[in-house]
C-alpha atoms as a PDB file:
ATOM      1  CA  MET A   1      26.187  75.605  18.105  1.00  0.00           C
ATOM      2  CA  ILE A   2      25.407  72.546  20.128  1.00  0.00           C
ATOM      3  CA  LYS A   3      25.403  70.355  17.018  1.00  0.00           C
ATOM      4  CA  LYS A   4      28.957  71.745  16.163  1.00  0.00           C
ATOM      5  CA  VAL A   5      30.378  70.793  19.518  1.00  0.00           C
ATOM      6  CA  ILE A   6      28.871  67.182  19.086  1.00  0.00           C
ATOM      7  CA  VAL A   7      30.461  66.933  15.826  1.00  0.00           C
ATOM      8  CA  PHE A   8      33.983  68.104  17.041  1.00  0.00           C
ATOM      9  CA  LEU A   9      33.679  65.825  20.085  1.00  0.00           C
ATOM     10  CA  PHE A  10      32.818  62.898  17.669  1.00  0.00           C
ATOM     11  CA  LEU A  11      35.792  63.781  15.433  1.00  0.00           C
ATOM     12  CA  GLY A  12      38.009  64.160  18.406  1.00  0.00           C
ATOM     13  CA  ILE A  13      37.137  60.714  19.833  1.00  0.00           C
ATOM     14  CA  ILE A  14      37.804  59.059  16.337  1.00  0.00           C
ATOM     15  CA  ILE A  15      41.216  60.816  15.963  1.00  0.00           C
ATOM     16  CA  TYR A  16      42.160  60.011  19.503  1.00  0.00           C
ATOM     17  CA  SER A  17      41.094  56.383  19.030  1.00  0.00           C
ATOM     18  CA  CYS A  18      43.229  55.589  16.000  1.00  0.00           C
ATOM     19  CA  ALA A  19      45.746  52.794  16.166  1.00  0.00           C
ATOM     20  CA  LYS A  20      48.563  51.890  13.605  1.00  0.00           C
ATOM     21  CA  VAL A  21      48.761  48.374  11.563  1.00  0.00           C
ATOM     22  CA  PRO A  22      52.194  46.893  12.021  1.00  0.00           C
ATOM     23  CA  VAL A  23      54.315  47.037   8.648  1.00  0.00           C
ATOM     24  CA  SER A  24      51.696  48.854   6.525  1.00  0.00           C
ATOM     25  CA  GLY A  25      51.536  51.743   8.974  1.00  0.00           C
ATOM     26  CA  ARG A  26      47.830  52.254   7.998  1.00  0.00           C
ATOM     27  CA  ARG A  27      45.822  54.200  10.663  1.00  0.00           C
ATOM     28  CA  GLN A  28      42.840  52.100  11.864  1.00  0.00           C
ATOM     29  CA  LEU A  29      39.987  53.097  14.185  1.00  0.00           C
ATOM     30  CA  SER A  30      40.233  51.492  17.565  1.00  0.00           C
ATOM     31  CA  ILE A  31      37.795  52.557  20.325  1.00  0.00           C
ATOM     32  CA  ILE A  32      37.968  49.265  22.144  1.00  0.00           C
ATOM     33  CA  GLY A  33      40.931  47.254  23.274  1.00  0.00           C
ATOM     34  CA  ASN A  34      42.082  43.675  23.260  1.00  0.00           C
ATOM     35  CA  SER A  35      41.352  43.425  27.073  1.00  0.00           C
ATOM     36  CA  GLU A  36      37.556  43.914  26.087  1.00  0.00           C
ATOM     37  CA  ILE A  37      37.293  41.957  22.846  1.00  0.00           C
ATOM     38  CA  LEU A  38      39.447  38.903  23.536  1.00  0.00           C
ATOM     39  CA  PRO A  39      37.384  37.348  26.364  1.00  0.00           C
ATOM     40  CA  LEU A  40      34.301  37.606  23.919  1.00  0.00           C
ATOM     41  CA  SER A  41      36.411  35.963  21.263  1.00  0.00           C
ATOM     42  CA  TYR A  42      37.541  33.274  23.397  1.00  0.00           C
ATOM     43  CA  ASP A  43      33.946  32.481  24.416  1.00  0.00           C
ATOM     44  CA  GLN A  44      32.886  32.394  20.841  1.00  0.00           C
ATOM     45  CA  TYR A  45      35.785  30.059  19.795  1.00  0.00           C
ATOM     46  CA  SER A  46      35.020  27.767  22.731  1.00  0.00           C
ATOM     47  CA  GLN A  47      31.277  27.542  21.566  1.00  0.00           C
ATOM     48  CA  VAL A  48      32.377  26.806  17.938  1.00  0.00           C
ATOM     49  CA  MET A  49      34.682  24.131  19.174  1.00  0.00           C
ATOM     50  CA  ASP A  50      32.085  22.489  21.287  1.00  0.00           C
ATOM     51  CA  GLU A  51      29.523  22.383  18.483  1.00  0.00           C
ATOM     52  CA  SER A  52      32.008  21.161  15.875  1.00  0.00           C
ATOM     53  CA  LYS A  53      33.808  17.785  15.206  1.00  0.00           C
ATOM     54  CA  VAL A  54      37.403  18.644  16.045  1.00  0.00           C
ATOM     55  CA  VAL A  55      39.901  16.175  14.418  1.00  0.00           C
ATOM     56  CA  THR A  56      43.093  17.495  15.869  1.00  0.00           C
ATOM     57  CA  ASN A  57      44.551  14.083  16.652  1.00  0.00           C
ATOM     58  CA  THR A  58      44.738  13.108  12.938  1.00  0.00           C
ATOM     59  CA  PRO A  59      47.867  13.472  10.764  1.00  0.00           C
ATOM     60  CA  ASP A  60      46.251  16.561   9.107  1.00  0.00           C
ATOM     61  CA  GLY A  61      45.155  17.859  12.430  1.00  0.00           C
ATOM     62  CA  GLN A  62      48.772  17.612  13.914  1.00  0.00           C
ATOM     63  CA  MET A  63      49.978  19.418  10.736  1.00  0.00           C
ATOM     64  CA  VAL A  64      47.639  22.314  11.420  1.00  0.00           C
ATOM     65  CA  VAL A  65      48.927  22.512  15.144  1.00  0.00           C
ATOM     66  CA  ASN A  66      52.482  22.120  14.084  1.00  0.00           C
ATOM     67  CA  VAL A  67      52.379  24.842  11.492  1.00  0.00           C
ATOM     68  CA  GLY A  68      50.469  27.095  13.764  1.00  0.00           C
ATOM     69  CA  LYS A  69      53.049  26.880  16.568  1.00  0.00           C
ATOM     70  CA  ARG A  70      55.866  27.599  14.113  1.00  0.00           C
ATOM     71  CA  ILE A  71      53.981  30.655  12.745  1.00  0.00           C
ATOM     72  CA  ALA A  72      53.065  31.950  16.122  1.00  0.00           C
ATOM     73  CA  SER A  73      56.763  31.698  17.179  1.00  0.00           C
ATOM     74  CA  ALA A  74      57.666  33.513  14.068  1.00  0.00           C
ATOM     75  CA  VAL A  75      55.074  36.215  14.769  1.00  0.00           C
ATOM     76  CA  GLU A  76      56.478  36.877  18.270  1.00  0.00           C
ATOM     77  CA  ARG A  77      60.064  37.202  17.027  1.00  0.00           C
ATOM     78  CA  TYR A  78      58.946  39.507  14.161  1.00  0.00           C
ATOM     79  CA  LEU A  79      56.936  41.674  16.586  1.00  0.00           C
ATOM     80  CA  LYS A  80      59.875  41.876  19.049  1.00  0.00           C
ATOM     81  CA  GLU A  81      62.072  42.953  16.361  1.00  0.00           C
ATOM     82  CA  LYS A  82      59.830  45.715  15.175  1.00  0.00           C
ATOM     83  CA  ASN A  83      58.820  46.758  18.712  1.00  0.00           C
ATOM     84  CA  TYR A  84      55.202  45.846  18.304  1.00  0.00           C
ATOM     85  CA  THR A  85      55.070  43.327  21.080  1.00  0.00           C
ATOM     86  CA  GLU A  86      51.914  44.778  22.455  1.00  0.00           C
ATOM     87  CA  ALA A  87      50.066  43.586  19.373  1.00  0.00           C
ATOM     88  CA  THR A  88      49.890  39.942  20.996  1.00  0.00           C
ATOM     89  CA  GLU A  89      49.198  40.994  24.627  1.00  0.00           C
ATOM     90  CA  GLY A  90      46.502  38.692  26.072  1.00  0.00           C
ATOM     91  CA  PHE A  91      46.776  36.278  23.220  1.00  0.00           C
ATOM     92  CA  ALA A  92      46.191  32.570  23.789  1.00  0.00           C
ATOM     93  CA  TRP A  93      47.124  30.726  20.713  1.00  0.00           C
ATOM     94  CA  GLU A  94      45.025  27.668  19.572  1.00  0.00           C
ATOM     95  CA  PHE A  95      45.005  25.680  16.375  1.00  0.00           C
ATOM     96  CA  ASN A  96      42.265  23.254  15.488  1.00  0.00           C
ATOM     97  CA  LEU A  97      41.151  21.308  12.419  1.00  0.00           C
ATOM     98  CA  ILE A  98      37.266  20.892  11.991  1.00  0.00           C
ATOM     99  CA  GLU A  99      35.634  18.239  10.090  1.00  0.00           C
ATOM    100  CA  SER A 100      33.692  20.061   7.339  1.00  0.00           C
ATOM    101  CA  ASP A 101      33.559  20.207   3.586  1.00  0.00           C
ATOM    102  CA  GLN A 102      33.863  24.020   3.551  1.00  0.00           C
ATOM    103  CA  VAL A 103      36.960  25.224   1.888  1.00  0.00           C
ATOM    104  CA  ASN A 104      37.879  27.689   4.414  1.00  0.00           C
ATOM    105  CA  ALA A 105      40.004  28.664   7.387  1.00  0.00           C
ATOM    106  CA  TRP A 106      39.821  31.691   9.962  1.00  0.00           C
ATOM    107  CA  CYS A 107      41.600  33.266  13.045  1.00  0.00           C
ATOM    108  CA  MET A 108      39.665  34.930  15.629  1.00  0.00           C
ATOM    109  CA  PRO A 109      41.046  37.814  17.753  1.00  0.00           C
ATOM    110  CA  GLY A 110      43.619  36.454  20.233  1.00  0.00           C
ATOM    111  CA  GLY A 111      45.070  33.860  17.878  1.00  0.00           C
ATOM    112  CA  LYS A 112      42.318  31.337  17.774  1.00  0.00           C
ATOM    113  CA  VAL A 113      42.641  29.528  14.538  1.00  0.00           C
ATOM    114  CA  ALA A 114      40.451  26.970  12.869  1.00  0.00           C
ATOM    115  CA  PHE A 115      40.943  25.135   9.666  1.00  0.00           C
ATOM    116  CA  TYR A 116      38.218  23.077   7.642  1.00  0.00           C
ATOM    117  CA  THR A 117      39.063  19.569   6.337  1.00  0.00           C
ATOM    118  CA  GLY A 118      37.716  20.841   2.992  1.00  0.00           C
ATOM    119  CA  ILE A 119      40.758  23.082   2.506  1.00  0.00           C
ATOM    120  CA  MET A 120      43.406  20.658   3.378  1.00  0.00           C
ATOM    121  CA  PRO A 121      43.663  18.908  -0.284  1.00  0.00           C
ATOM    122  CA  ILE A 122      44.144  22.447  -1.693  1.00  0.00           C
ATOM    123  CA  CYS A 123      46.880  23.072   1.030  1.00  0.00           C
ATOM    124  CA  GLN A 124      48.536  19.720   0.147  1.00  0.00           C
ATOM    125  CA  ASP A 125      51.236  19.935   2.762  1.00  0.00           C
ATOM    126  CA  GLU A 126      52.699  22.010   5.555  1.00  0.00           C
ATOM    127  CA  ALA A 127      53.895  24.635   3.243  1.00  0.00           C
ATOM    128  CA  GLY A 128      50.551  25.284   1.732  1.00  0.00           C
ATOM    129  CA  ILE A 129      48.975  25.263   5.239  1.00  0.00           C
ATOM    130  CA  ALA A 130      51.655  27.877   6.136  1.00  0.00           C
ATOM    131  CA  VAL A 131      50.286  30.158   3.326  1.00  0.00           C
ATOM    132  CA  VAL A 132      46.797  30.067   4.790  1.00  0.00           C
ATOM    133  CA  MET A 133      47.892  30.100   8.424  1.00  0.00           C
ATOM    134  CA  GLY A 134      50.079  33.346   7.890  1.00  0.00           C
ATOM    135  CA  HIS A 135      47.219  35.109   6.081  1.00  0.00           C
ATOM    136  CA  GLU A 136      44.709  34.294   8.845  1.00  0.00           C
ATOM    137  CA  VAL A 137      46.869  34.847  11.740  1.00  0.00           C
ATOM    138  CA  ALA A 138      47.865  38.284  10.158  1.00  0.00           C
ATOM    139  CA  HIS A 139      44.251  39.367  10.368  1.00  0.00           C
ATOM    140  CA  ALA A 140      44.401  38.829  14.065  1.00  0.00           C
ATOM    141  CA  ILE A 141      47.931  40.668  14.386  1.00  0.00           C
ATOM    142  CA  ALA A 142      46.522  43.618  12.411  1.00  0.00           C
ATOM    143  CA  ASN A 143      43.564  43.826  14.745  1.00  0.00           C
ATOM    144  CA  HIS A 144      41.093  43.791  11.719  1.00  0.00           C
ATOM    145  CA  ALA A 145      38.162  42.364  13.716  1.00  0.00           C
ATOM    146  CA  ARG A 146      38.739  45.126  16.414  1.00  0.00           C
ATOM    147  CA  GLU A 147      38.779  47.644  13.749  1.00  0.00           C
ATOM    148  CA  ARG A 148      35.414  46.326  12.136  1.00  0.00           C
ATOM    149  CA  MET A 149      34.019  46.509  15.577  1.00  0.00           C
ATOM    150  CA  SER A 150      35.027  49.865  16.366  1.00  0.00           C
ATOM    151  CA  GLN A 151      33.611  51.042  12.913  1.00  0.00           C
ATOM    152  CA  GLY A 152      30.337  49.337  13.776  1.00  0.00           C
ATOM    153  CA  MET A 153      29.971  50.906  17.129  1.00  0.00           C
ATOM    154  CA  VAL A 154      30.775  54.327  15.817  1.00  0.00           C
ATOM    155  CA  ALA A 155      28.263  53.928  12.978  1.00  0.00           C
ATOM    156  CA  ASN A 156      25.611  53.021  15.554  1.00  0.00           C
ATOM    157  CA  GLY A 157      26.383  55.755  17.901  1.00  0.00           C
ATOM    158  CA  LEU A 158      27.823  53.549  20.517  1.00  0.00           C
ATOM    159  CA  LEU A 159      30.989  55.272  21.997  1.00  0.00           C
ATOM    160  CA  GLY A 160      32.812  55.116  25.257  1.00  0.00           C
ATOM    161  CA  GLY A 161      34.175  51.486  24.980  1.00  0.00           C
ATOM    162  CA  LEU A 162      32.735  48.178  24.908  1.00  0.00           C
ATOM    163  CA  GLN A 163      31.384  48.102  28.560  1.00  0.00           C
ATOM    164  CA  ALA A 164      29.542  51.354  27.940  1.00  0.00           C
ATOM    165  CA  ALA A 165      28.069  50.082  24.759  1.00  0.00           C
ATOM    166  CA  MET A 166      26.942  46.857  26.383  1.00  0.00           C
ATOM    167  CA  GLY A 167      25.049  49.096  28.917  1.00  0.00           C
ATOM    168  CA  GLN A 168      23.575  51.177  26.294  1.00  0.00           C
ATOM    169  CA  ASN A 169      22.402  48.393  23.964  1.00  0.00           C
ATOM    170  CA  PRO A 170      23.627  44.827  24.673  1.00  0.00           C
ATOM    171  CA  THR A 171      21.690  43.145  21.916  1.00  0.00           C
ATOM    172  CA  LEU A 172      23.077  45.495  19.141  1.00  0.00           C
ATOM    173  CA  THR A 173      26.608  45.484  20.679  1.00  0.00           C
ATOM    174  CA  GLN A 174      26.504  41.455  20.582  1.00  0.00           C
ATOM    175  CA  THR A 175      25.376  41.564  16.984  1.00  0.00           C
ATOM    176  CA  ILE A 176      28.254  43.886  16.215  1.00  0.00           C
ATOM    177  CA  PHE A 177      30.652  41.794  17.727  1.00  0.00           C
ATOM    178  CA  LEU A 178      29.732  38.664  15.982  1.00  0.00           C
ATOM    179  CA  GLN A 179      29.714  40.559  12.639  1.00  0.00           C
ATOM    180  CA  ALA A 180      33.233  42.007  13.454  1.00  0.00           C
ATOM    181  CA  VAL A 181      34.819  38.588  14.267  1.00  0.00           C
ATOM    182  CA  GLY A 182      33.248  37.025  11.232  1.00  0.00           C
ATOM    183  CA  PHE A 183      30.372  35.055  12.519  1.00  0.00           C
ATOM    184  CA  GLY A 184      26.714  35.361  11.153  1.00  0.00           C
ATOM    185  CA  GLY A 185      24.019  32.721  11.284  1.00  0.00           C
ATOM    186  CA  GLN A 186      26.527  29.964  10.162  1.00  0.00           C
ATOM    187  CA  VAL A 187      30.104  29.272  10.977  1.00  0.00           C
ATOM    188  CA  GLY A 188      32.127  31.119   8.397  1.00  0.00           C
ATOM    189  CA  MET A 189      34.066  34.371   8.147  1.00  0.00           C
ATOM    190  CA  LEU A 190      32.605  37.503   6.525  1.00  0.00           C
ATOM    191  CA  LYS A 191      34.441  39.532   4.013  1.00  0.00           C
ATOM    192  CA  PHE A 192      37.167  41.747   5.126  1.00  0.00           C
ATOM    193  CA  SER A 193      37.883  44.991   3.309  1.00  0.00           C
ATOM    194  CA  ARG A 194      40.338  45.333   0.353  1.00  0.00           C
ATOM    195  CA  ASP A 195      42.947  47.262   2.675  1.00  0.00           C
ATOM    196  CA  GLN A 196      42.742  44.393   5.250  1.00  0.00           C
ATOM    197  CA  GLU A 197      43.125  41.674   2.915  1.00  0.00           C
ATOM    198  CA  LEU A 198      46.285  43.326   1.287  1.00  0.00           C
ATOM    199  CA  GLU A 199      47.710  43.838   4.889  1.00  0.00           C
ATOM    200  CA  ALA A 200      47.016  40.133   5.724  1.00  0.00           C
ATOM    201  CA  ASP A 201      48.817  39.072   2.715  1.00  0.00           C
ATOM    202  CA  GLN A 202      51.883  41.320   3.215  1.00  0.00           C
ATOM    203  CA  LEU A 203      52.177  40.363   6.897  1.00  0.00           C
ATOM    204  CA  GLY A 204      51.200  36.584   6.240  1.00  0.00           C
ATOM    205  CA  LEU A 205      53.949  36.115   3.665  1.00  0.00           C
ATOM    206  CA  ILE A 206      56.521  37.643   6.285  1.00  0.00           C
ATOM    207  CA  PHE A 207      55.173  35.323   8.850  1.00  0.00           C
ATOM    208  CA  SER A 208      55.350  32.088   7.041  1.00  0.00           C
ATOM    209  CA  SER A 209      58.714  32.882   5.584  1.00  0.00           C
ATOM    210  CA  MET A 210      60.210  33.714   8.973  1.00  0.00           C
ATOM    211  CA  ALA A 211      58.484  30.352  10.167  1.00  0.00           C
ATOM    212  CA  GLY A 212      60.904  28.604   7.622  1.00  0.00           C
ATOM    213  CA  TYR A 213      58.326  27.945   4.736  1.00  0.00           C
ATOM    214  CA  ASP A 214      59.175  28.696   1.175  1.00  0.00           C
ATOM    215  CA  PRO A 215      57.170  31.935   0.226  1.00  0.00           C
ATOM    216  CA  ARG A 216      57.299  30.648  -3.400  1.00  0.00           C
ATOM    217  CA  GLU A 217      54.526  28.251  -2.253  1.00  0.00           C
ATOM    218  CA  ALA A 218      52.076  31.050  -1.811  1.00  0.00           C
ATOM    219  CA  PRO A 219      51.336  31.833  -5.629  1.00  0.00           C
ATOM    220  CA  GLU A 220      51.172  28.024  -6.043  1.00  0.00           C
ATOM    221  CA  PHE A 221      48.442  27.728  -3.416  1.00  0.00           C
ATOM    222  CA  TRP A 222      46.463  30.392  -5.173  1.00  0.00           C
ATOM    223  CA  LYS A 223      46.606  28.861  -8.412  1.00  0.00           C
ATOM    224  CA  ARG A 224      45.249  25.474  -6.965  1.00  0.00           C
ATOM    225  CA  MET A 225      42.564  27.452  -5.194  1.00  0.00           C
ATOM    226  CA  GLU A 226      41.712  29.224  -8.694  1.00  0.00           C
ATOM    227  CA  ALA A 227      41.540  25.631 -10.223  1.00  0.00           C
ATOM    228  CA  GLN A 228      39.196  24.478  -7.552  1.00  0.00           C
ATOM    229  CA  ALA A 229      36.706  27.291  -8.796  1.00  0.00           C
ATOM    230  CA  GLY A 230      37.259  26.739 -12.489  1.00  0.00           C
ATOM    231  CA  ASP A 231      34.445  24.199 -13.029  1.00  0.00           C
ATOM    232  CA  GLY A 232      31.977  26.950 -13.145  1.00  0.00           C
ATOM    233  CA  ALA A 233      30.454  26.080  -9.832  1.00  0.00           C
ATOM    234  CA  ARG A 234      30.114  28.417  -6.889  1.00  0.00           C
ATOM    235  CA  PRO A 235      33.724  29.407  -5.713  1.00  0.00           C
ATOM    236  CA  PRO A 236      34.916  28.079  -2.386  1.00  0.00           C
ATOM    237  CA  GLU A 237      34.133  30.304   0.615  1.00  0.00           C
ATOM    238  CA  PHE A 238      37.764  30.914   1.229  1.00  0.00           C
ATOM    239  CA  LEU A 239      38.130  32.309  -2.369  1.00  0.00           C
ATOM    240  CA  SER A 240      34.736  34.290  -2.345  1.00  0.00           C
ATOM    241  CA  THR A 241      36.018  36.226   0.736  1.00  0.00           C
ATOM    242  CA  HIS A 242      39.225  37.352  -0.935  1.00  0.00           C
ATOM    243  CA  PRO A 243      40.323  39.233  -4.145  1.00  0.00           C
ATOM    244  CA  GLY A 244      40.756  37.408  -7.268  1.00  0.00           C
ATOM    245  CA  PRO A 245      43.661  34.752  -7.538  1.00  0.00           C
ATOM    246  CA  ASN A 246      45.222  36.498 -10.417  1.00  0.00           C
ATOM    247  CA  ARG A 247      45.440  39.797  -8.716  1.00  0.00           C
ATOM    248  CA  ARG A 248      46.667  38.170  -5.426  1.00  0.00           C
ATOM    249  CA  ILE A 249      49.317  36.252  -7.223  1.00  0.00           C
ATOM    250  CA  GLU A 250      50.610  39.402  -8.916  1.00  0.00           C
ATOM    251  CA  ARG A 251      50.931  41.222  -5.539  1.00  0.00           C
ATOM    252  CA  LEU A 252      52.564  38.220  -3.815  1.00  0.00           C
ATOM    253  CA  GLU A 253      55.237  37.969  -6.711  1.00  0.00           C
ATOM    254  CA  GLU A 254      55.992  41.870  -6.167  1.00  0.00           C
ATOM    255  CA  GLN A 255      56.480  41.121  -2.434  1.00  0.00           C
ATOM    256  CA  MET A 256      58.628  37.884  -3.076  1.00  0.00           C
ATOM    257  CA  PRO A 257      62.037  39.482  -2.925  1.00  0.00           C
ATOM    258  CA  ASP A 258      61.528  40.721   0.538  1.00  0.00           C
ATOM    259  CA  ALA A 259      59.786  37.534   1.770  1.00  0.00           C
ATOM    260  CA  MET A 260      62.740  35.499   0.282  1.00  0.00           C
ATOM    261  CA  GLU A 261      65.256  37.478   2.497  1.00  0.00           C
ATOM    262  CA  TYR A 262      63.267  36.339   5.633  1.00  0.00           C
ATOM    263  CA  TYR A 263      63.095  32.628   4.181  1.00  0.00           C
ATOM    264  CA  GLU A 264      66.815  32.507   3.504  1.00  0.00           C
ATOM    265  CA  LYS A 265      67.508  33.574   7.191  1.00  0.00           C
ATOM    266  CA  ASN A 266      65.167  31.058   8.637  1.00  0.00           C
ATOM    267  CA  LYS A 267      64.816  28.178   6.389  1.00  0.00           C
ATOM    268  CA  ARG A 268      65.441  24.796   7.961  1.00  0.00           C
END
């Protein structure tokens, strides 16, 4: 009897703690709030910046900042139109370019974005940067890291919120957080689930289109990314953490008509 009560209580907590992803409408587990995860995210981002060579004052660095600001503005407008303004509560947007050969980029909870110089030749220009920026920012808007942390806490029996979990097992909770936001032993994002990647694609294409960037650049970026990995060498990290380029291009083409409507209304 006691076991049944525990099971029903456990299921009740999970059902009660569900949130909805903007646009896709997918239900996701959310037993912690942004007010808990964002301070940890900001501390981790500051640590990465302190330990990295940031090259924001270069032309490429300025492009990353400029595109980031345009994407952020588009995100705010989109969320306001869709009555999802709470999705960015507590966000403190920041965009940096880090000197590294890694072909990668990422966005931590709260809008903390980093690009590596290794991905810039594949981006080529602002439109290419916007493809990547929109996708990475979408992960933060859809609270994918918060979802992963919630899943990790439930899997380890840590219920009752982040502060309670820290009290129960601070070491394990910290490990779950680092895995959720995407950091392991080295700076680099861990794999998101297939559903999360598809949501980031869908939202990212809308965000970049609303920012005035031609969405038709998205398939072209992925073609260049595929070519980068076509020499038989280990694929770039950015590519290895995402579904295959061919499948991605197909889905982007399917979503292109809607994206073009946003672009035509907002192009500069």
